[in-house]
């Protein structure tokens, strides 16, 4: 995987949940996937696609959680 792509993914997560939690989410998701502790630079194309898929899925889950939380807070305020 290209380092610039990895940095972009990290920044996306950090933008939605903050610096420390964003970094933790990405690293934990990577380690729990079948990629494990393998270096980012040594991933082949198939592993890169898999890791990108897993991280996109986790990103959507986080956004859904945040939206549900906003909806719940908005309904209570009415």
Protein backbone atom coordinates (compact mmCIF):
# COMPACT_ATOMS: atom_id res chain seq x y z
CA UNK A 1 0.00 0.00 0.00
CA UNK A 2 1.20 3.46 -0.81
CA UNK A 3 2.02 5.50 2.30
CA UNK A 4 0.12 8.52 0.99
CA UNK A 5 -3.03 6.39 0.71
CA UNK A 6 -2.51 5.13 4.28
CA UNK A 7 -2.04 8.70 5.53
CA UNK A 8 -5.23 9.75 3.75
CA UNK A 9 -7.18 6.96 5.44
CA UNK A 10 -5.74 7.92 8.82
CA UNK A 11 -6.70 11.58 8.28
CA UNK A 12 -10.27 10.63 7.35
CA UNK A 13 -10.72 8.69 10.57
CA UNK A 14 -9.09 11.46 12.60
CA UNK A 15 -11.44 14.03 11.08
CA UNK A 16 -14.57 12.21 12.25
CA UNK A 17 -13.51 10.98 15.70
CA UNK A 18 -10.44 13.02 16.67
CA UNK A 19 -6.72 12.43 16.42
CA UNK A 20 -6.07 9.80 19.07
CA UNK A 21 -9.30 7.82 18.66
CA UNK A 22 -8.98 7.95 14.86
CA UNK A 23 -5.49 6.53 14.98
CA UNK A 24 -6.58 3.84 17.42
CA UNK A 25 -9.59 2.84 15.27
CA UNK A 26 -7.46 2.41 12.16
CA UNK A 27 -4.70 0.44 13.88
CA UNK A 28 -7.06 -1.82 15.82
CA UNK A 29 -9.16 -2.50 12.72
CA UNK A 30 -6.02 -3.35 10.76
CA UNK A 31 -4.70 -5.67 13.47
CA UNK A 32 -8.03 -7.49 13.88
CA UNK A 33 -8.25 -8.05 10.12
CA UNK A 34 -6.37 -10.86 8.44
CA UNK A 35 -3.55 -8.36 7.67
CA UNK A 36 -2.52 -8.33 11.32
CA UNK A 37 0.86 -6.83 12.15
CA UNK A 38 2.18 -6.81 8.56
CA UNK A 39 3.89 -3.57 7.47
CA UNK A 40 1.79 -1.24 5.34
CA UNK A 41 4.58 -0.87 2.79
CA UNK A 42 4.80 -4.62 2.23
CA UNK A 43 1.11 -5.21 1.42
CA UNK A 44 0.43 -6.56 -2.04
CA UNK A 45 -2.45 -5.32 -4.22
CA UNK A 46 -4.96 -7.89 -2.96
CA UNK A 47 -4.17 -7.16 0.70
CA UNK A 48 -4.42 -3.43 0.02
CA UNK A 49 -7.88 -3.85 -1.49
CA UNK A 50 -8.97 -6.02 1.44
CA UNK A 51 -7.66 -3.59 4.05
CA UNK A 52 -9.26 -0.64 2.26
CA UNK A 53 -12.60 -2.51 2.19
CA UNK A 54 -12.42 -3.32 5.92
CA UNK A 55 -11.50 0.26 6.83
CA UNK A 56 -14.28 1.72 4.65
CA UNK A 57 -16.76 -0.58 6.34
CA UNK A 58 -15.57 0.53 9.79
CA UNK A 59 -15.70 4.19 8.70
CA UNK A 60 -19.35 3.79 7.64
CA UNK A 61 -20.15 2.09 10.96
CA UNK A 62 -18.68 5.04 12.88
CA UNK A 63 -20.64 7.55 10.78
CA UNK A 64 -23.85 5.56 11.32
CA UNK A 65 -23.23 5.51 15.08
CA UNK A 66 -22.71 9.27 15.11
CA UNK A 67 -25.85 9.87 13.03
CA UNK A 68 -27.93 7.65 15.31
CA UNK A 69 -26.61 9.52 18.32
CA UNK A 70 -27.54 12.88 16.73
CA UNK A 71 -31.02 11.60 15.83
CA UNK A 72 -31.58 10.36 19.36
CA UNK A 73 -30.42 13.64 20.90
CA UNK A 74 -32.58 15.63 18.46
CA UNK A 75 -35.68 13.57 19.28
CA UNK A 76 -35.18 14.08 23.02
CA UNK A 77 -34.85 17.84 22.60
CA UNK A 78 -38.23 18.22 20.87
